Amino acid sequence: MSKDVNAQEGFHFFDQTEKRHRVNFRLIHNLIIIPVEINNQKLSFILDSGVSKTILFNISQNDSIGLKDVKKVQLRGLGKGEPVAALISENNIVSIKNIGSSSETIYVILKDNFDLSSKMGITIHGIIGYNILKNFVVKVNYNSKKIDFYNTKKYSLKKCRKCEIFPIEFYRKKPYLEAKVQLDTIGNETTKVKLLIDSGGSDALWLFEGSKENIKTPIRFFNDILGEGLSGTIYGNRSRIPKVTLGSFEIIKPTVSFLDSISSKHARLFTERHGSIGAGILKRFKVWFDYSNRQIMLRKNASLTKEFNYNMSGLEIVYSGKQLVKEKETLAVKDGYEQKLSTNNSVSFITSFSYKFKPTFKIRTVVSASPAEKAGLLKDDILLKINGKPVYEYTIAQITSKFQTRNKSKIKMIIERDGIKMKFEFRLEKKI
């Protein structure tokens, strides 16, 4: 069936008789990457329930998107910097396989402060959230890496024995739910908080320091760069709290990032907000978004009780391009009967070499007083090997996973600095 995107406003099924449409996604750093077409150009977007606008920030001369009805605007978000220059483009055709819209407004960031592509190891072109979620019931299965878009005229949430439905409210097209957090390690007192549901945040939980509930960083913490927002770098303290409660679900000892008042100034305009619940927690559930009925449903999966890990190295690694790698290939020679040719019980082999482009990675940030800094590693060092294995055999997610293993694990690195190969080693250090 042809894609009749002109049939109605907003995202909808091209075939109105369809009840469900399934989309496979990639999960990198807890973030959902989905295929999106804009004006027939295939792109990769993060599905982010924490954004109200569809944002495009990584386009090149090779991306012939053909944006329509363009005007200049200013956008502001998390971070300490100033508003960023952007373009607003209206009446664009946007589709995700068999669902789409012909009247979408897109904001184009002219300077890519996010730099998500280098952090994720694949090209990320933008972020989409409210507009694609509002017209469907959307089920996200983090385990199977599948999203189901349900036609609201033919489907409604049904309670299940292991599920729980939570009411949500919206502020500026962003969804919020209520939870309880236990901040004190001595008693059992909990604090009621209102949290942005943020599938585009890879951390488990963010809390705003200095709110009217007197939320403070626990005694054990370390200062860290938490990420990048529209308005620049986001700073705060990483720590751990005893418990988060969502209805009957208890999430034990989650890692929490406490944001300072400057980085979160714009987010605090909604005075009832205390922070965000991110993908570090959401991925421990099967999640149904039902915006039309202002509710969300959760069903726990096997990872709910797993320990919350974090990067204990102090290194932020990013993709830095490709290198040409010489690979050795050895083939056994066989005769016409598929038997290996041999003489005196020896097998004949043919050795050849091929050249392939492989990814390279470098250090983007070294956290102060971290194990990596104490070892002498520096920003812009190019990684060659980690624990004896060539770095091009890893993905960024696999490298990060190595930094989240267990306390005191040894990390050995060979890096290149100013054309010179150097060896370093350090042990992961659990601070919280």
Protein backbone atom coordinates (compact mmCIF):
# COMPACT_ATOMS: atom_id res chain seq x y z
CA MET A 1 0.00 0.00 0.00
CA SER A 2 1.33 3.48 -0.83
CA LYS A 3 2.16 5.89 1.97
CA ASP A 4 -0.78 8.31 2.00
CA VAL A 5 0.66 10.84 4.45
CA ASN A 6 -1.77 13.55 3.35
CA ALA A 7 -4.82 11.75 4.71
CA GLN A 8 -4.77 13.39 8.17
CA GLU A 9 -2.86 15.64 10.53
CA GLY A 10 -0.01 14.31 12.69
CA PHE A 11 1.42 10.81 12.78
CA HIS A 12 -1.00 8.06 11.80
CA PHE A 13 -1.17 4.61 10.22
CA PHE A 14 -1.01 4.71 6.44
CA ASP A 15 -3.37 1.74 6.50
CA GLN A 16 -6.17 2.69 8.90
CA THR A 17 -7.25 -0.95 9.19
CA GLU A 18 -3.90 -1.80 10.78
CA LYS A 19 -3.99 -2.42 14.53
CA ARG A 20 -0.28 -2.62 15.27
CA HIS A 21 2.98 -1.63 13.62
CA ARG A 22 6.29 -3.03 14.89
CA VAL A 23 9.70 -1.35 14.56
CA ASN A 24 13.06 -2.86 15.51
CA PHE A 25 15.52 -0.59 17.28
CA ARG A 26 19.14 -0.52 18.38
CA LEU A 27 19.96 0.02 22.05
CA ILE A 28 23.20 1.91 22.67
CA HIS A 29 24.08 3.37 26.09
CA ASN A 30 20.48 2.57 27.11
CA LEU A 31 19.17 4.84 24.31
CA ILE A 32 16.66 3.74 21.66
CA ILE A 33 17.80 4.33 18.06
CA ILE A 34 15.07 4.10 15.42
CA PRO A 35 15.02 4.56 11.62
CA VAL A 36 13.26 7.77 10.55
CA GLU A 37 12.69 9.16 7.06
CA ILE A 38 12.47 12.92 6.56
CA ASN A 39 11.36 13.99 3.09
CA ASN A 40 12.37 10.51 1.85
CA GLN A 41 15.88 10.73 3.35
CA LYS A 42 16.75 7.80 5.66
CA LEU A 43 18.13 8.92 9.03
CA SER A 44 18.70 7.60 12.57
CA PHE A 45 16.95 9.23 15.53
CA ILE A 46 16.83 8.73 19.30
CA LEU A 47 13.34 8.11 20.66
CA ASP A 48 13.25 10.54 23.57
CA SER A 49 10.11 10.89 25.68
CA GLY A 50 11.76 13.86 27.40
CA VAL A 51 11.63 16.19 24.39
CA SER A 52 8.64 18.10 23.07
CA LYS A 53 10.20 19.02 19.71
CA THR A 54 11.58 17.00 16.84
CA ILE A 55 15.22 18.11 16.62
CA LEU A 56 17.66 17.56 13.76
CA PHE A 57 21.30 18.29 14.60
CA ASN A 58 23.63 16.25 12.44
CA ILE A 59 23.17 16.97 8.75
CA SER A 60 25.80 17.37 6.06
CA GLN A 61 25.90 18.37 2.43
CA ASN A 62 25.34 14.69 1.59
CA ASP A 63 22.00 14.64 3.44
CA SER A 64 19.58 16.03 0.86
CA ILE A 65 16.68 16.48 3.24
CA GLY A 66 15.07 19.44 1.49
CA LEU A 67 13.64 21.17 4.55
CA LYS A 68 10.56 23.31 3.93
CA ASP A 69 9.35 26.74 5.14
CA VAL A 70 12.52 27.59 7.11
CA LYS A 71 12.81 30.40 9.72
CA LYS A 72 15.46 31.30 12.33
CA VAL A 73 14.80 30.74 16.07
CA GLN A 74 16.63 30.39 19.41
CA LEU A 75 16.40 27.27 21.60
CA ARG A 76 17.35 26.77 25.24
CA GLY A 77 17.76 23.60 27.31
CA LEU A 78 19.87 21.96 29.98
CA GLY A 79 23.42 23.27 30.36
CA LYS A 80 25.22 26.42 31.49
CA GLY A 81 25.55 28.09 28.09
CA GLU A 82 23.46 30.56 26.14
CA PRO A 83 20.50 29.73 23.86
CA VAL A 84 21.55 28.08 20.60
CA ALA A 85 20.79 29.25 17.09
CA ALA A 86 18.41 27.00 15.19
CA LEU A 87 16.13 26.84 12.19
CA ILE A 88 12.47 25.92 12.34
CA SER A 89 11.12 24.08 9.31
CA GLU A 90 7.42 23.32 8.83
CA ASN A 91 5.33 20.95 6.69
CA ASN A 92 7.91 18.17 6.40
CA ILE A 93 7.10 14.56 5.51
CA VAL A 94 8.30 12.31 8.35
CA SER A 95 7.74 8.55 8.50
CA ILE A 96 8.79 5.49 10.48
CA LYS A 97 8.03 2.62 8.13
CA ASN A 98 4.22 2.39 7.90
CA ILE A 99 3.34 5.38 10.08
CA GLY A 100 3.99 9.01 9.28
CA SER A 101 2.95 12.64 8.93
CA SER A 102 3.09 15.23 6.15
CA SER A 103 2.92 18.29 8.38
CA GLU A 104 5.78 17.93 10.84
CA THR A 105 7.69 20.85 12.32
CA ILE A 106 11.42 20.22 12.73
CA TYR A 107 13.99 22.27 14.64
CA VAL A 108 17.48 22.21 13.13
CA ILE A 109 20.41 22.90 15.46
CA LEU A 110 23.07 24.72 13.48
CA LYS A 111 25.91 23.78 15.85
CA ASP A 112 25.92 20.19 17.07
CA ASN A 113 26.72 20.61 20.77
CA PHE A 114 25.43 17.12 21.50
CA ASP A 115 28.13 15.34 19.44
CA LEU A 116 26.04 12.20 19.95
CA SER A 117 27.41 10.43 16.89
CA SER A 118 30.95 10.26 18.26
CA LYS A 119 29.66 9.16 21.69
CA MET A 120 27.40 6.46 20.25
CA GLY A 121 29.79 5.16 17.60
CA ILE A 122 27.15 5.48 14.86
CA THR A 123 25.66 8.48 13.07
CA ILE A 124 22.76 9.99 14.99
CA HIS A 125 20.85 12.67 13.11
CA GLY A 126 18.33 13.84 15.67
CA ILE A 127 15.80 13.30 18.45
CA ILE A 128 12.06 12.66 18.23
CA GLY A 129 9.62 12.37 21.12
CA TYR A 130 6.18 13.83 21.82
CA ASN A 131 5.01 14.06 18.21
CA ILE A 132 5.51 10.36 17.49
CA LEU A 133 4.20 9.19 20.90
CA LYS A 134 1.05 11.28 21.26
CA ASN A 135 -1.18 9.56 18.66
CA PHE A 136 -0.53 5.92 19.57
CA VAL A 137 -0.23 3.53 22.44
CA VAL A 138 3.48 2.76 22.24
CA LYS A 139 4.99 -0.37 23.81
CA VAL A 140 8.76 -0.47 24.26
CA ASN A 141 10.34 -3.86 24.88
CA TYR A 142 13.95 -3.20 25.85
CA ASN A 143 14.80 -6.92 25.97
CA SER A 144 13.65 -7.79 22.45
CA LYS A 145 14.55 -4.32 21.10
CA LYS A 146 11.15 -3.86 19.51
CA ILE A 147 8.62 -1.02 19.61
CA ASP A 148 4.94 -1.60 18.89
CA PHE A 149 2.79 1.33 17.77
CA TYR A 150 -0.89 0.53 18.44
CA ASN A 151 -3.87 2.19 16.79
CA THR A 152 -5.74 3.87 19.67
CA LYS A 153 -9.08 3.24 17.91
CA LYS A 154 -8.47 -0.50 18.06
CA TYR A 155 -6.37 -0.95 21.21
CA SER A 156 -6.44 0.10 24.86
CA LEU A 157 -4.28 -0.74 27.84
CA LYS A 158 -5.44 -3.75 29.79
CA LYS A 159 -4.30 -4.42 33.33
CA CYS A 160 -2.17 -7.50 33.81
CA ARG A 161 -1.16 -9.29 37.00
CA LYS A 162 2.46 -8.15 36.88
CA CYS A 163 1.77 -4.68 35.42
CA GLU A 164 1.03 -1.37 37.06
CA ILE A 165 -0.57 1.70 35.47
CA PHE A 166 0.56 5.18 36.55
CA PRO A 167 -1.15 8.49 35.80
CA ILE A 168 1.06 11.03 34.05
CA GLU A 169 0.69 14.77 33.57
CA PHE A 170 2.14 17.02 30.92
CA TYR A 171 3.99 20.31 31.11
CA ARG A 172 4.98 21.80 27.77
CA LYS A 173 4.28 18.45 26.08
CA LYS A 174 6.63 16.53 28.40
CA PRO A 175 5.35 13.63 30.59
CA TYR A 176 5.77 13.48 34.37
CA LEU A 177 4.98 10.84 36.95
CA GLU A 178 5.19 10.68 40.74
CA ALA A 179 7.62 8.45 42.60
CA LYS A 180 9.16 8.17 46.04
CA VAL A 181 12.87 8.32 46.81
CA GLN A 182 14.69 7.31 49.97
CA LEU A 183 17.60 9.72 50.36
CA ASP A 184 18.65 8.93 53.93
CA THR A 185 20.71 5.80 54.58
CA ILE A 186 19.89 5.87 58.31
CA GLY A 187 16.07 5.85 58.41
CA ASN A 188 13.33 4.65 56.06
CA GLU A 189 11.79 8.06 55.35
CA THR A 190 10.83 8.63 51.71
CA THR A 191 10.26 11.83 49.76
CA LYS A 192 7.58 12.19 47.10
CA VAL A 193 9.02 13.55 43.84
CA LYS A 194 7.71 14.46 40.41
CA LEU A 195 9.98 13.18 37.64
CA LEU A 196 10.21 13.74 33.91
CA ILE A 197 9.93 10.41 32.06
CA ASP A 198 13.09 10.66 29.98
CA SER A 199 13.85 7.73 27.67
CA GLY A 200 16.54 9.93 26.07
CA GLY A 201 18.58 10.09 29.28
CA SER A 202 20.96 7.14 29.69
CA ASP A 203 21.31 7.53 33.48
CA ALA A 204 18.96 5.92 36.00
CA LEU A 205 17.87 9.01 37.90
CA TRP A 206 18.51 12.76 38.03
CA LEU A 207 17.50 14.87 41.02
CA PHE A 208 17.66 18.64 41.40
CA GLU A 209 19.56 19.85 44.44
CA GLY A 210 18.08 22.57 46.60
CA SER A 211 14.43 21.96 45.72
CA LYS A 212 11.70 22.73 48.23
CA GLU A 213 11.90 19.11 49.44
CA ASN A 214 15.49 19.86 50.52
CA ILE A 215 17.06 17.31 48.18
CA LYS A 216 20.81 17.11 48.82
CA THR A 217 23.71 15.04 47.54
CA PRO A 218 24.58 12.15 49.92
CA ILE A 219 27.90 12.12 51.72
CA ARG A 220 29.51 9.73 49.24
CA PHE A 221 29.67 11.25 45.75
CA PHE A 222 32.03 12.46 43.06
CA ASN A 223 31.75 15.42 40.71
CA ASP A 224 31.29 14.53 37.08
CA ILE A 225 30.24 15.71 33.64
CA LEU A 226 26.77 14.23 33.26
CA GLY A 227 26.24 14.96 29.58
CA GLU A 228 25.48 17.63 27.01
CA GLY A 229 22.31 19.70 26.74
CA LEU A 230 21.04 22.24 24.24
CA SER A 231 22.72 24.99 26.26
CA GLY A 232 26.03 23.27 26.89
CA THR A 233 27.71 20.85 29.28
CA ILE A 234 25.69 19.49 32.22
CA TYR A 235 27.58 19.19 35.51
CA GLY A 236 26.65 17.55 38.79
CA ASN A 237 27.44 15.01 41.49
CA ARG A 238 27.14 11.28 40.95
CA SER A 239 26.01 9.27 43.94
CA ARG A 240 23.74 6.42 45.01
CA ILE A 241 20.58 6.37 47.12
CA PRO A 242 18.98 3.48 49.04
CA LYS A 243 15.75 3.16 47.06
CA VAL A 244 13.30 4.50 44.48
CA THR A 245 9.68 3.37 44.64
CA LEU A 246 7.28 3.35 41.69
CA GLY A 247 3.95 2.12 43.02
CA SER A 248 4.66 -1.46 44.15
CA PHE A 249 8.01 -1.61 42.32
CA GLU A 250 11.11 -1.05 44.45
CA ILE A 251 14.37 -0.14 42.73
CA ILE A 252 17.24 -0.76 45.14
CA LYS A 253 20.42 1.34 45.33
CA PRO A 254 20.15 3.13 41.99
CA THR A 255 22.88 5.49 40.87
CA VAL A 256 21.68 9.10 40.95
CA SER A 257 23.05 12.29 39.42
CA PHE A 258 22.40 15.47 41.39
CA LEU A 259 22.29 18.51 39.11
CA ASP A 260 23.43 21.93 40.23
CA SER A 261 21.05 24.88 39.98
CA ILE A 262 22.87 26.52 37.05
CA SER A 263 22.90 23.50 34.71
CA SER A 264 19.23 22.79 35.46
CA LYS A 265 18.01 26.40 35.60
CA HIS A 266 15.79 26.12 32.51
CA ALA A 267 14.38 22.72 33.57
CA ARG A 268 13.37 24.20 36.95
CA LEU A 269 10.88 26.56 35.30
CA PHE A 270 8.39 23.79 36.02
CA THR A 271 8.59 24.34 39.77
CA GLU A 272 6.89 21.03 40.64
CA ARG A 273 9.64 19.02 38.96
CA HIS A 274 12.33 17.35 41.07
CA GLY A 275 14.32 15.57 38.38
CA SER A 276 14.10 12.82 35.75
CA ILE A 277 13.70 9.07 35.59
CA GLY A 278 15.94 7.88 32.77
CA ALA A 279 16.55 4.84 30.61
CA GLY A 280 18.81 3.28 33.25
CA ILE A 281 15.58 2.50 35.13
CA LEU A 282 13.10 2.35 32.24
CA LYS A 283 15.04 -0.43 30.51
CA ARG A 284 14.29 -2.66 33.53
CA PHE A 285 10.64 -2.66 32.49
CA LYS A 286 8.45 -3.28 29.52
CA VAL A 287 6.93 0.20 29.02
CA TRP A 288 3.60 1.27 27.49
CA PHE A 289 3.17 4.99 26.72
CA ASP A 290 -0.51 5.97 26.47
CA TYR A 291 -0.47 9.75 26.06
CA SER A 292 -4.09 10.04 24.92
CA ASN A 293 -5.27 8.65 28.26
CA ARG A 294 -2.49 10.33 30.25
CA GLN A 295 -1.02 7.13 31.61
CA ILE A 296 1.97 4.84 31.43
CA MET A 297 2.10 1.12 32.22
CA LEU A 298 5.15 -0.77 33.50
CA ARG A 299 5.89 -4.48 33.73
CA LYS A 300 9.18 -5.45 35.34
CA ASN A 301 11.66 -7.66 33.53
CA ALA A 302 14.47 -9.84 34.88
CA SER A 303 16.93 -6.94 35.11
CA LEU A 304 14.93 -4.99 37.72
CA THR A 305 17.00 -6.32 40.62
CA LYS A 306 20.40 -6.18 38.91
CA GLU A 307 23.04 -3.89 40.37
CA PHE A 308 23.33 -0.38 38.94
CA ASN A 309 26.80 0.11 37.50
CA TYR A 310 28.62 3.21 36.35
CA ASN A 311 31.87 4.18 34.63
CA MET A 312 34.62 3.76 37.25
CA SER A 313 37.53 4.74 34.99
CA GLY A 314 37.00 8.49 34.71
CA LEU A 315 37.25 8.27 30.90
CA GLU A 316 34.76 9.36 28.28
CA ILE A 317 35.59 7.61 25.01
CA VAL A 318 34.30 8.79 21.63
CA TYR A 319 34.50 7.63 18.03
CA SER A 320 37.19 9.53 16.11
CA GLY A 321 37.05 8.24 12.54
CA LYS A 322 38.39 5.21 10.70
CA GLN A 323 41.77 3.63 10.16
CA LEU A 324 43.00 1.23 7.49
CA VAL A 325 43.87 -2.09 9.14
CA LYS A 326 45.87 -4.93 7.55
CA GLU A 327 44.27 -8.31 8.31
CA LYS A 328 45.82 -11.72 7.77
CA GLU A 329 43.64 -14.44 6.23
CA THR A 330 44.76 -18.08 6.16
CA LEU A 331 42.85 -20.69 4.14
CA ALA A 332 43.41 -24.46 4.09
CA VAL A 333 43.83 -25.90 0.59
CA LYS A 334 41.41 -28.72 -0.26
CA ASP A 335 41.28 -31.18 -3.12
CA GLY A 336 38.30 -31.87 -5.39
CA TYR A 337 36.82 -34.22 -2.78
CA GLU A 338 36.89 -31.44 -0.17
CA GLN A 339 39.77 -33.17 1.58
CA LYS A 340 42.69 -31.13 2.83
CA LEU A 341 45.84 -31.69 0.76
CA SER A 342 48.62 -32.92 3.00
CA THR A 343 52.13 -34.28 2.83
CA ASN A 344 53.64 -36.19 5.75
CA ASN A 345 50.57 -35.38 7.82
CA SER A 346 50.97 -31.63 7.22
CA VAL A 347 48.18 -29.46 5.80
CA SER A 348 48.79 -26.91 3.04
CA PHE A 349 47.61 -23.32 3.67
CA ILE A 350 47.44 -20.17 1.58
CA THR A 351 48.02 -16.91 3.45
CA SER A 352 46.76 -13.62 2.10
CA PHE A 353 46.25 -10.11 3.45
CA SER A 354 43.39 -7.68 3.12
CA TYR A 355 42.92 -4.07 4.15
CA LYS A 356 39.73 -2.95 5.85
CA PHE A 357 38.54 0.30 7.42
CA LYS A 358 38.02 -0.07 11.15
CA PRO A 359 36.81 2.42 13.77
CA THR A 360 39.18 4.46 15.91
CA PHE A 361 38.44 5.90 19.34
CA LYS A 362 39.95 8.63 21.46
CA ILE A 363 39.61 10.09 24.94
CA ARG A 364 37.21 13.03 24.99
CA THR A 365 37.27 13.73 28.73
CA VAL A 366 39.35 12.67 31.74
CA VAL A 367 37.55 13.27 35.03
CA SER A 368 39.61 15.03 37.69
CA ALA A 369 41.04 12.76 40.42
CA SER A 370 39.86 9.64 38.57
CA PRO A 371 41.97 6.46 38.19
CA ALA A 372 42.64 7.34 34.54
CA GLU A 373 43.89 10.83 35.42
CA LYS A 374 46.12 9.46 38.19
CA ALA A 375 47.59 7.02 35.67
CA GLY A 376 48.50 9.90 33.33
CA LEU A 377 45.99 9.53 30.51
CA LEU A 378 45.06 12.76 28.73
CA LYS A 379 42.30 14.24 26.60
CA ASP A 380 42.73 13.40 22.88
CA ASP A 381 44.88 10.32 23.50
CA ILE A 382 44.09 7.84 20.71
CA LEU A 383 43.28 4.32 21.90
CA LEU A 384 45.14 1.43 20.27
CA LYS A 385 44.59 -1.52 22.61
CA ILE A 386 42.57 -2.28 25.74
CA ASN A 387 43.63 -5.31 27.79
CA GLY A 388 45.65 -6.62 24.86
CA LYS A 389 42.83 -6.43 22.32
CA PRO A 390 42.92 -3.97 19.38
CA VAL A 391 40.44 -1.20 20.08
CA TYR A 392 38.83 -1.53 16.64
CA GLU A 393 37.48 -4.92 17.74
CA TYR A 394 35.31 -3.16 20.33
CA THR A 395 32.21 -1.02 20.05
CA ILE A 396 31.87 2.07 22.25
CA ALA A 397 29.26 0.22 24.30
CA GLN A 398 31.71 -2.66 24.88
CA ILE A 399 34.45 -0.26 25.95
CA THR A 400 32.10 1.45 28.39
CA SER A 401 31.02 -1.95 29.71
CA LYS A 402 34.65 -2.77 30.53
CA PHE A 403 34.78 0.37 32.68
CA GLN A 404 31.68 -0.79 34.58
CA THR A 405 32.76 -4.31 35.56
CA ARG A 406 33.89 -4.61 39.17
CA ASN A 407 35.88 -2.60 41.67
CA LYS A 408 39.68 -2.93 41.39
CA SER A 409 39.55 -4.54 37.93
CA LYS A 410 42.78 -3.84 36.04
CA ILE A 411 42.63 -1.90 32.78
CA LYS A 412 45.67 -1.95 30.50
CA MET A 413 45.88 0.50 27.61
CA ILE A 414 48.16 1.25 24.71
CA ILE A 415 47.54 4.72 23.35
CA GLU A 416 49.05 7.07 20.81
CA ARG A 417 49.96 10.62 21.84
CA ASP A 418 51.64 12.99 19.39
CA GLY A 419 52.65 10.03 17.22
CA ILE A 420 54.24 8.12 20.13
CA LYS A 421 52.86 4.83 21.47
CA MET A 422 52.57 4.70 25.25
CA LYS A 423 51.42 2.08 27.80
CA PHE A 424 49.23 2.78 30.81
CA GLU A 425 47.42 0.73 33.40
CA PHE A 426 45.09 1.50 36.29
CA ARG A 427 42.44 -0.15 38.43
CA LEU A 428 38.78 0.76 38.44
CA GLU A 429 37.79 2.60 41.59
CA LYS A 430 34.34 2.35 43.16
CA LYS A 431 33.56 5.71 44.75
CA ILE A 432 29.85 5.32 45.52
